[in-house]
């Protein structure tokens, strides 16, 4: 089962253009305050961790992810990397573009892969439909929390300095 969510938003970095560029090019710092990401590890090549989401009927689901970080002239991108051997995982794609005054436009795309137990008949179809709807709403809500976490990391970074 595939479930997708997108999130687009704009934030002004309090430190201006150069600080905003440094911020988005360090995924570990930019995503550090996002509540639903656990086990976050980042380096110059990428970011990996787990997206933890509560899914009705299934409980709390840990969705591992790994994305490659690419620096661009005006920001950075995250490109999902394949994961094998997992029953459930998520592709995390993203783009951050910084303008001349330090305003950052973010675009994120989450694509969750969930393996459900094999079910047959109308009961199985109803169960899958219920899980898909609930998981879709949950992933949308989780994606909606991104601006708050990233904004908190921006403010914290400005307060503590480089």
N, C-alpha and C. Protein backbone atom coordinates (compact mmCIF):
# COMPACT_ATOMS: atom_id res chain seq x y z
N UNK A 1 0.85 -1.17 0.00
CA UNK A 1 0.00 0.00 0.00
C UNK A 1 0.90 1.24 0.00
N UNK A 2 0.59 2.17 -0.86
CA UNK A 2 1.31 3.44 -0.92
C UNK A 2 0.41 4.56 -0.42
N UNK A 3 0.98 5.41 0.43
CA UNK A 3 0.25 6.57 0.95
C UNK A 3 1.17 7.77 0.80
N UNK A 4 0.64 8.86 0.25
CA UNK A 4 1.48 10.03 -0.02
C UNK A 4 0.95 11.28 0.68
N UNK A 5 1.89 12.16 1.00
CA UNK A 5 1.53 13.48 1.55
C UNK A 5 2.57 14.48 1.04
N UNK A 6 2.12 15.68 0.83
CA UNK A 6 3.01 16.76 0.40
C UNK A 6 2.86 17.93 1.35
N UNK A 7 3.92 18.69 1.48
CA UNK A 7 3.87 19.89 2.32
C UNK A 7 4.73 20.96 1.67
N UNK A 8 4.13 22.12 1.44
CA UNK A 8 4.84 23.27 0.87
C UNK A 8 4.65 24.44 1.83
N UNK A 9 5.73 25.14 2.13
CA UNK A 9 5.63 26.30 3.02
C UNK A 9 6.85 27.19 2.85
N UNK A 10 6.74 28.40 3.36
CA UNK A 10 7.80 29.39 3.26
C UNK A 10 8.09 29.93 4.66
N UNK A 11 9.39 30.04 4.98
CA UNK A 11 9.84 30.62 6.25
C UNK A 11 10.94 31.63 5.98
N UNK A 12 10.98 32.69 6.76
CA UNK A 12 12.05 33.68 6.65
C UNK A 12 13.12 33.35 7.68
N UNK A 13 14.33 33.17 7.23
CA UNK A 13 15.42 32.88 8.17
C UNK A 13 15.85 34.19 8.82
N UNK A 14 15.93 34.23 10.16
CA UNK A 14 16.28 35.47 10.84
C UNK A 14 17.70 35.96 10.57
N UNK A 15 18.56 35.08 10.06
CA UNK A 15 19.96 35.45 9.81
C UNK A 15 20.24 35.90 8.39
N UNK A 16 19.23 35.93 7.52
CA UNK A 16 19.43 36.36 6.15
C UNK A 16 19.83 35.23 5.20
N UNK A 17 20.21 35.62 3.99
CA UNK A 17 20.45 34.67 2.91
C UNK A 17 21.57 33.66 3.21
N UNK A 18 22.72 34.11 3.65
CA UNK A 18 23.84 33.19 3.86
C UNK A 18 23.54 32.20 4.99
N UNK A 19 22.93 32.68 6.06
CA UNK A 19 22.56 31.80 7.16
C UNK A 19 21.49 30.79 6.71
N UNK A 20 20.55 31.25 5.89
CA UNK A 20 19.51 30.36 5.37
C UNK A 20 20.11 29.27 4.49
N UNK A 21 21.06 29.64 3.63
CA UNK A 21 21.71 28.64 2.78
C UNK A 21 22.44 27.60 3.62
N UNK A 22 23.19 28.04 4.61
CA UNK A 22 23.91 27.10 5.48
C UNK A 22 22.92 26.19 6.21
N UNK A 23 21.82 26.74 6.64
CA UNK A 23 20.79 25.99 7.36
C UNK A 23 20.21 24.87 6.50
N UNK A 24 19.74 25.19 5.29
CA UNK A 24 19.09 24.17 4.46
C UNK A 24 20.08 23.15 3.91
N UNK A 25 21.34 23.50 3.86
CA UNK A 25 22.35 22.56 3.37
C UNK A 25 22.86 21.62 4.46
N UNK A 26 22.34 21.76 5.67
CA UNK A 26 22.67 20.88 6.78
C UNK A 26 21.37 20.24 7.26
N UNK A 27 20.98 19.14 6.62
CA UNK A 27 19.69 18.50 6.92
C UNK A 27 19.58 18.07 8.38
N UNK A 28 20.69 17.67 8.99
CA UNK A 28 20.66 17.27 10.39
C UNK A 28 20.24 18.40 11.30
N UNK A 29 20.68 19.61 11.00
CA UNK A 29 20.30 20.78 11.79
C UNK A 29 18.87 21.20 11.44
N UNK A 30 18.56 21.27 10.15
CA UNK A 30 17.25 21.75 9.71
C UNK A 30 16.11 20.87 10.21
N UNK A 31 16.35 19.56 10.31
CA UNK A 31 15.28 18.63 10.70
C UNK A 31 15.35 18.21 12.16
N UNK A 32 16.32 18.72 12.90
CA UNK A 32 16.56 18.27 14.27
C UNK A 32 15.38 18.48 15.21
N UNK A 33 14.55 19.47 14.99
CA UNK A 33 13.44 19.77 15.91
C UNK A 33 12.09 19.27 15.40
N UNK A 34 12.10 18.46 14.36
CA UNK A 34 10.86 17.90 13.84
C UNK A 34 10.47 16.72 14.73
N UNK A 35 9.35 16.84 15.43
CA UNK A 35 8.96 15.88 16.47
C UNK A 35 8.81 14.44 15.99
N UNK A 36 8.33 14.22 14.80
CA UNK A 36 8.03 12.87 14.36
C UNK A 36 9.22 12.14 13.73
N UNK A 37 10.40 12.78 13.69
CA UNK A 37 11.60 12.11 13.19
C UNK A 37 12.43 11.62 14.36
N UNK A 38 12.77 10.35 14.35
CA UNK A 38 13.57 9.75 15.42
C UNK A 38 14.83 9.14 14.81
N UNK A 39 15.88 9.06 15.62
CA UNK A 39 17.13 8.44 15.17
C UNK A 39 17.75 9.16 13.99
N UNK A 40 17.57 10.47 13.95
CA UNK A 40 18.05 11.26 12.82
C UNK A 40 19.58 11.26 12.79
N UNK A 41 20.14 10.91 11.65
CA UNK A 41 21.59 10.95 11.44
C UNK A 41 21.83 11.60 10.09
N UNK A 42 22.73 12.56 10.05
CA UNK A 42 22.98 13.28 8.80
C UNK A 42 24.46 13.54 8.64
N UNK A 43 24.87 13.59 7.38
CA UNK A 43 26.23 13.99 7.04
C UNK A 43 26.14 14.76 5.73
N UNK A 44 27.28 15.05 5.13
CA UNK A 44 27.29 15.86 3.91
C UNK A 44 26.64 15.15 2.74
N UNK A 45 26.45 13.84 2.84
CA UNK A 45 25.87 13.09 1.72
C UNK A 45 24.38 12.82 1.87
N UNK A 46 23.86 12.91 3.10
CA UNK A 46 22.45 12.62 3.24
C UNK A 46 21.96 12.59 4.65
N UNK A 47 20.73 12.11 4.78
CA UNK A 47 20.06 12.04 6.07
C UNK A 47 19.29 10.72 6.13
N UNK A 48 19.25 10.13 7.32
CA UNK A 48 18.50 8.90 7.51
C UNK A 48 17.90 8.91 8.92
N UNK A 49 16.88 8.12 9.09
CA UNK A 49 16.23 8.04 10.38
C UNK A 49 14.92 7.30 10.25
N UNK A 50 14.01 7.58 11.16
CA UNK A 50 12.69 6.96 11.14
C UNK A 50 11.62 8.03 11.31
N UNK A 51 10.61 7.93 10.50
CA UNK A 51 9.44 8.75 10.63
C UNK A 51 8.46 7.92 11.46
N UNK A 52 8.08 8.40 12.63
CA UNK A 52 7.22 7.66 13.55
C UNK A 52 5.83 8.26 13.49
N UNK A 53 4.86 7.43 13.07
CA UNK A 53 3.49 7.91 12.94
C UNK A 53 2.52 6.94 13.61
N UNK A 54 1.53 7.49 14.32
CA UNK A 54 0.49 6.64 14.86
C UNK A 54 -0.53 6.35 13.75
N UNK A 55 -0.79 5.09 13.50
CA UNK A 55 -1.76 4.70 12.48
C UNK A 55 -2.87 3.92 13.17
N UNK A 56 -4.11 4.44 13.12
CA UNK A 56 -5.21 3.70 13.74
C UNK A 56 -5.25 2.27 13.21
N UNK A 57 -5.58 1.36 14.06
CA UNK A 57 -5.66 -0.07 13.81
C UNK A 57 -4.27 -0.73 13.87
N UNK A 58 -3.24 -0.09 13.31
CA UNK A 58 -1.90 -0.67 13.29
C UNK A 58 -1.04 -0.22 14.45
N UNK A 59 -1.43 0.84 15.15
CA UNK A 59 -0.62 1.36 16.24
C UNK A 59 0.45 2.32 15.72
N UNK A 60 1.50 2.49 16.50
CA UNK A 60 2.60 3.38 16.10
C UNK A 60 3.51 2.64 15.11
N UNK A 61 3.73 3.26 13.96
CA UNK A 61 4.52 2.63 12.91
C UNK A 61 5.81 3.43 12.73
N UNK A 62 6.95 2.72 12.77
CA UNK A 62 8.25 3.33 12.51
C UNK A 62 8.59 3.11 11.05
N UNK A 63 8.72 4.19 10.30
CA UNK A 63 9.01 4.10 8.87
C UNK A 63 10.43 4.60 8.63
N UNK A 64 11.39 3.70 8.41
CA UNK A 64 12.75 4.15 8.15
C UNK A 64 12.82 4.88 6.80
N UNK A 65 13.79 5.78 6.70
CA UNK A 65 14.01 6.49 5.43
C UNK A 65 15.50 6.79 5.29
N UNK A 66 15.88 7.01 4.06
CA UNK A 66 17.24 7.46 3.74
C UNK A 66 17.15 8.33 2.49
N UNK A 67 17.71 9.53 2.57
CA UNK A 67 17.67 10.47 1.44
C UNK A 67 19.05 11.05 1.21
N UNK A 68 19.39 11.23 -0.06
CA UNK A 68 20.65 11.86 -0.44
C UNK A 68 20.47 13.37 -0.46
N UNK A 69 21.43 14.08 0.10
CA UNK A 69 21.42 15.54 0.12
C UNK A 69 22.27 16.06 -1.03
N UNK A 70 21.70 16.95 -1.81
CA UNK A 70 22.43 17.57 -2.91
C UNK A 70 22.35 19.08 -2.74
N UNK A 71 23.50 19.73 -2.69
CA UNK A 71 23.56 21.18 -2.60
C UNK A 71 23.27 21.75 -3.98
N UNK A 72 22.41 22.77 -4.02
CA UNK A 72 22.10 23.46 -5.27
C UNK A 72 22.54 24.91 -5.13
N UNK A 73 22.61 25.66 -6.21
CA UNK A 73 23.04 27.06 -6.11
C UNK A 73 22.19 27.89 -5.15
N UNK A 74 20.89 27.58 -5.06
CA UNK A 74 20.00 28.37 -4.21
C UNK A 74 19.46 27.59 -3.01
N UNK A 75 20.10 26.48 -2.65
CA UNK A 75 19.59 25.71 -1.50
C UNK A 75 20.08 24.28 -1.49
N UNK A 76 19.12 23.34 -1.43
CA UNK A 76 19.46 21.92 -1.36
C UNK A 76 18.24 21.08 -1.71
N UNK A 77 18.49 19.82 -2.06
CA UNK A 77 17.42 18.86 -2.31
C UNK A 77 17.69 17.58 -1.53
N UNK A 78 16.62 16.88 -1.22
CA UNK A 78 16.68 15.54 -0.65
C UNK A 78 16.07 14.59 -1.67
N UNK A 79 16.80 13.54 -2.01
CA UNK A 79 16.33 12.55 -2.96
C UNK A 79 16.23 11.21 -2.24
N UNK A 80 15.06 10.58 -2.24
CA UNK A 80 14.90 9.31 -1.55
C UNK A 80 15.84 8.24 -2.10
N UNK A 81 16.38 7.44 -1.21
CA UNK A 81 17.22 6.32 -1.59
C UNK A 81 16.47 5.03 -1.27
N UNK A 82 16.65 4.01 -2.09
CA UNK A 82 15.88 2.77 -1.88
C UNK A 82 16.29 2.06 -0.59
N UNK A 83 15.30 1.48 0.06
CA UNK A 83 15.52 0.63 1.24
C UNK A 83 14.98 -0.76 0.90
N UNK A 84 15.72 -1.77 1.25
CA UNK A 84 15.27 -3.13 0.98
C UNK A 84 15.13 -3.89 2.30
N UNK A 85 14.34 -4.92 2.28
CA UNK A 85 14.17 -5.76 3.45
C UNK A 85 13.29 -5.18 4.53
N UNK A 86 12.51 -4.15 4.23
CA UNK A 86 11.63 -3.52 5.21
C UNK A 86 10.17 -3.78 4.84
N UNK A 87 9.35 -4.08 5.84
CA UNK A 87 7.90 -4.25 5.60
C UNK A 87 7.22 -2.90 5.38
N UNK A 88 7.79 -1.86 6.01
CA UNK A 88 7.23 -0.52 5.89
C UNK A 88 8.40 0.46 5.88
N UNK A 89 8.34 1.45 5.01
CA UNK A 89 9.36 2.48 4.93
C UNK A 89 8.74 3.70 4.26
N UNK A 90 9.49 4.80 4.25
CA UNK A 90 8.97 6.01 3.63
C UNK A 90 10.06 6.64 2.77
N UNK A 91 9.66 7.16 1.63
CA UNK A 91 10.55 7.95 0.78
C UNK A 91 10.36 9.41 1.21
N UNK A 92 11.46 10.08 1.51
CA UNK A 92 11.39 11.49 1.88
C UNK A 92 12.13 12.28 0.80
N UNK A 93 11.37 13.07 0.06
CA UNK A 93 11.94 13.94 -0.97
C UNK A 93 11.70 15.37 -0.53
N UNK A 94 12.65 16.24 -0.84
CA UNK A 94 12.47 17.63 -0.45
C UNK A 94 13.32 18.57 -1.26
N UNK A 95 12.90 19.82 -1.25
CA UNK A 95 13.66 20.87 -1.91
C UNK A 95 13.50 22.14 -1.07
N UNK A 96 14.61 22.84 -0.90
CA UNK A 96 14.59 24.12 -0.20
C UNK A 96 15.29 25.13 -1.09
N UNK A 97 14.60 26.23 -1.39
CA UNK A 97 15.16 27.29 -2.21
C UNK A 97 15.18 28.58 -1.40
N UNK A 98 16.35 29.22 -1.39
CA UNK A 98 16.55 30.44 -0.62
C UNK A 98 16.61 31.63 -1.58
N UNK A 99 15.88 32.69 -1.25
CA UNK A 99 15.96 33.89 -2.08
C UNK A 99 17.00 34.86 -1.52
N UNK A 100 17.12 36.03 -2.13
CA UNK A 100 18.19 36.98 -1.79
C UNK A 100 18.06 37.61 -0.40
N UNK A 101 16.90 37.51 0.23
CA UNK A 101 16.73 38.08 1.59
C UNK A 101 16.67 37.02 2.68
N UNK A 102 16.80 35.74 2.28
CA UNK A 102 16.80 34.67 3.26
C UNK A 102 15.45 34.00 3.48
N UNK A 103 14.51 34.24 2.59
CA UNK A 103 13.23 33.54 2.66
C UNK A 103 13.42 32.18 2.00
N UNK A 104 13.00 31.14 2.71
CA UNK A 104 13.18 29.77 2.24
C UNK A 104 11.84 29.17 1.87
N UNK A 105 11.76 28.66 0.65
CA UNK A 105 10.57 27.94 0.21
C UNK A 105 10.89 26.46 0.25
N UNK A 106 10.08 25.71 1.02
CA UNK A 106 10.27 24.28 1.19
C UNK A 106 9.18 23.52 0.44
N UNK A 107 9.57 22.41 -0.16
CA UNK A 107 8.65 21.47 -0.80
C UNK A 107 9.05 20.08 -0.32
N UNK A 108 8.16 19.38 0.37
CA UNK A 108 8.42 18.02 0.82
C UNK A 108 7.38 17.08 0.23
N UNK A 109 7.82 15.85 -0.04
CA UNK A 109 6.92 14.81 -0.53
C UNK A 109 7.27 13.53 0.23
N UNK A 110 6.27 13.00 0.92
CA UNK A 110 6.42 11.75 1.65
C UNK A 110 5.63 10.67 0.92
N UNK A 111 6.25 9.52 0.75
CA UNK A 111 5.57 8.40 0.09
C UNK A 111 5.82 7.16 0.96
N UNK A 112 4.82 6.79 1.74
CA UNK A 112 4.95 5.67 2.67
C UNK A 112 4.57 4.37 1.98
N UNK A 113 5.38 3.35 2.22
CA UNK A 113 5.15 2.00 1.72
C UNK A 113 4.78 1.14 2.93
N UNK A 114 3.56 0.64 2.95
CA UNK A 114 3.10 -0.20 4.06
C UNK A 114 2.69 -1.56 3.53
N UNK A 115 3.20 -2.62 4.14
CA UNK A 115 2.80 -3.97 3.78
C UNK A 115 1.74 -4.42 4.78
N UNK A 116 0.56 -4.72 4.27
CA UNK A 116 -0.53 -5.19 5.13
C UNK A 116 -0.66 -6.70 5.02
N UNK A 117 -1.18 -7.34 6.06
CA UNK A 117 -1.43 -8.78 5.97
C UNK A 117 -2.40 -9.06 4.83
N UNK A 118 -2.23 -10.18 4.18
CA UNK A 118 -3.11 -10.56 3.07
C UNK A 118 -4.53 -10.74 3.60
N UNK A 119 -5.47 -10.10 2.98
CA UNK A 119 -6.87 -10.24 3.39
C UNK A 119 -7.72 -10.48 2.17
N UNK A 120 -8.81 -11.22 2.37
CA UNK A 120 -9.67 -11.56 1.25
C UNK A 120 -11.10 -11.13 1.52
N UNK A 121 -11.88 -11.05 0.47
CA UNK A 121 -13.30 -10.76 0.59
C UNK A 121 -13.58 -9.30 0.89
N UNK A 122 -14.86 -9.02 1.09
CA UNK A 122 -15.27 -7.64 1.32
C UNK A 122 -14.74 -7.13 2.66
N UNK A 123 -14.59 -8.01 3.65
CA UNK A 123 -14.05 -7.58 4.94
C UNK A 123 -12.61 -7.11 4.81
N UNK A 124 -11.82 -7.83 4.02
CA UNK A 124 -10.43 -7.45 3.79
C UNK A 124 -10.32 -6.14 3.03
N UNK A 125 -11.19 -5.98 2.04
CA UNK A 125 -11.19 -4.73 1.27
C UNK A 125 -11.60 -3.56 2.14
N UNK A 126 -12.59 -3.77 3.01
CA UNK A 126 -13.02 -2.71 3.92
C UNK A 126 -11.91 -2.35 4.90
N UNK A 127 -11.20 -3.37 5.42
CA UNK A 127 -10.09 -3.12 6.33
C UNK A 127 -9.00 -2.30 5.63
N UNK A 128 -8.64 -2.68 4.40
CA UNK A 128 -7.60 -1.95 3.67
C UNK A 128 -8.04 -0.52 3.41
N UNK A 129 -9.29 -0.32 3.06
CA UNK A 129 -9.79 1.03 2.81
C UNK A 129 -9.73 1.88 4.08
N UNK A 130 -10.09 1.28 5.22
CA UNK A 130 -10.05 1.99 6.49
C UNK A 130 -8.62 2.36 6.86
N UNK A 131 -7.69 1.41 6.71
CA UNK A 131 -6.28 1.68 7.03
C UNK A 131 -5.73 2.76 6.11
N UNK A 132 -6.04 2.67 4.81
CA UNK A 132 -5.54 3.67 3.85
C UNK A 132 -6.03 5.07 4.21
N UNK A 133 -7.30 5.20 4.53
CA UNK A 133 -7.86 6.52 4.88
C UNK A 133 -7.24 7.06 6.17
N UNK A 134 -7.15 6.20 7.19
CA UNK A 134 -6.60 6.64 8.47
C UNK A 134 -5.12 6.99 8.33
N UNK A 135 -4.37 6.14 7.65
CA UNK A 135 -2.93 6.38 7.48
C UNK A 135 -2.69 7.63 6.64
N UNK A 136 -3.51 7.84 5.62
CA UNK A 136 -3.38 9.04 4.79
C UNK A 136 -3.61 10.31 5.59
N UNK A 137 -4.64 10.33 6.43
CA UNK A 137 -4.90 11.50 7.27
C UNK A 137 -3.76 11.72 8.26
N UNK A 138 -3.24 10.63 8.82
CA UNK A 138 -2.15 10.74 9.78
C UNK A 138 -0.89 11.28 9.11
N UNK A 139 -0.55 10.78 7.93
CA UNK A 139 0.64 11.26 7.23
C UNK A 139 0.49 12.73 6.84
N UNK A 140 -0.69 13.14 6.45
CA UNK A 140 -0.95 14.55 6.15
C UNK A 140 -0.75 15.42 7.40
N UNK A 141 -1.24 14.95 8.54
CA UNK A 141 -1.10 15.70 9.79
C UNK A 141 0.37 15.80 10.19
N UNK A 142 1.09 14.69 10.05
CA UNK A 142 2.52 14.68 10.37
C UNK A 142 3.26 15.66 9.47
N UNK A 143 2.99 15.62 8.17
CA UNK A 143 3.64 16.55 7.24
C UNK A 143 3.31 17.99 7.61
N UNK A 144 2.10 18.22 8.11
CA UNK A 144 1.70 19.56 8.51
C UNK A 144 2.49 20.10 9.70
N UNK A 145 3.15 19.22 10.46
CA UNK A 145 3.97 19.65 11.60
C UNK A 145 5.37 20.12 11.18
N UNK A 146 5.75 19.88 9.95
CA UNK A 146 7.09 20.27 9.48
C UNK A 146 7.42 21.74 9.69
N UNK A 147 6.55 22.68 9.30
CA UNK A 147 6.92 24.09 9.46
C UNK A 147 7.27 24.47 10.90
N UNK A 148 6.56 23.92 11.86
CA UNK A 148 6.81 24.25 13.26
C UNK A 148 8.19 23.76 13.68
N UNK A 149 8.52 22.51 13.34
CA UNK A 149 9.82 21.95 13.71
C UNK A 149 10.98 22.64 13.03
N UNK A 150 10.84 22.92 11.75
CA UNK A 150 11.93 23.58 11.02
C UNK A 150 12.10 25.02 11.51
N UNK A 151 10.99 25.70 11.78
CA UNK A 151 11.07 27.07 12.31
C UNK A 151 11.78 27.06 13.67
N UNK A 152 11.47 26.09 14.51
CA UNK A 152 12.12 26.00 15.83
C UNK A 152 13.62 25.79 15.66
N UNK A 153 14.04 24.98 14.70
CA UNK A 153 15.47 24.76 14.45
C UNK A 153 16.13 26.03 13.95
N UNK A 154 15.45 26.81 13.11
CA UNK A 154 16.00 28.09 12.63
C UNK A 154 16.25 29.04 13.78
N UNK A 155 15.24 29.20 14.63
CA UNK A 155 15.33 30.12 15.75
C UNK A 155 16.42 29.66 16.73
N UNK A 156 16.45 28.37 17.03
CA UNK A 156 17.46 27.84 17.94
C UNK A 156 18.87 28.06 17.38
N UNK A 157 19.03 27.84 16.10
CA UNK A 157 20.34 28.03 15.47
C UNK A 157 20.80 29.48 15.54
N UNK A 158 19.90 30.41 15.39
CA UNK A 158 20.25 31.83 15.48
C UNK A 158 20.59 32.22 16.90
N UNK A 159 19.90 31.64 17.86
CA UNK A 159 20.15 31.93 19.26
C UNK A 159 21.50 31.41 19.73
N UNK A 160 21.85 30.20 19.29
CA UNK A 160 23.10 29.58 19.74
C UNK A 160 24.29 29.97 18.88
N UNK A 161 24.02 30.44 17.66
CA UNK A 161 25.11 30.85 16.77
C UNK A 161 25.78 29.67 16.12
N UNK A 162 26.72 29.95 15.19
CA UNK A 162 27.38 28.87 14.45
C UNK A 162 28.30 28.04 15.30
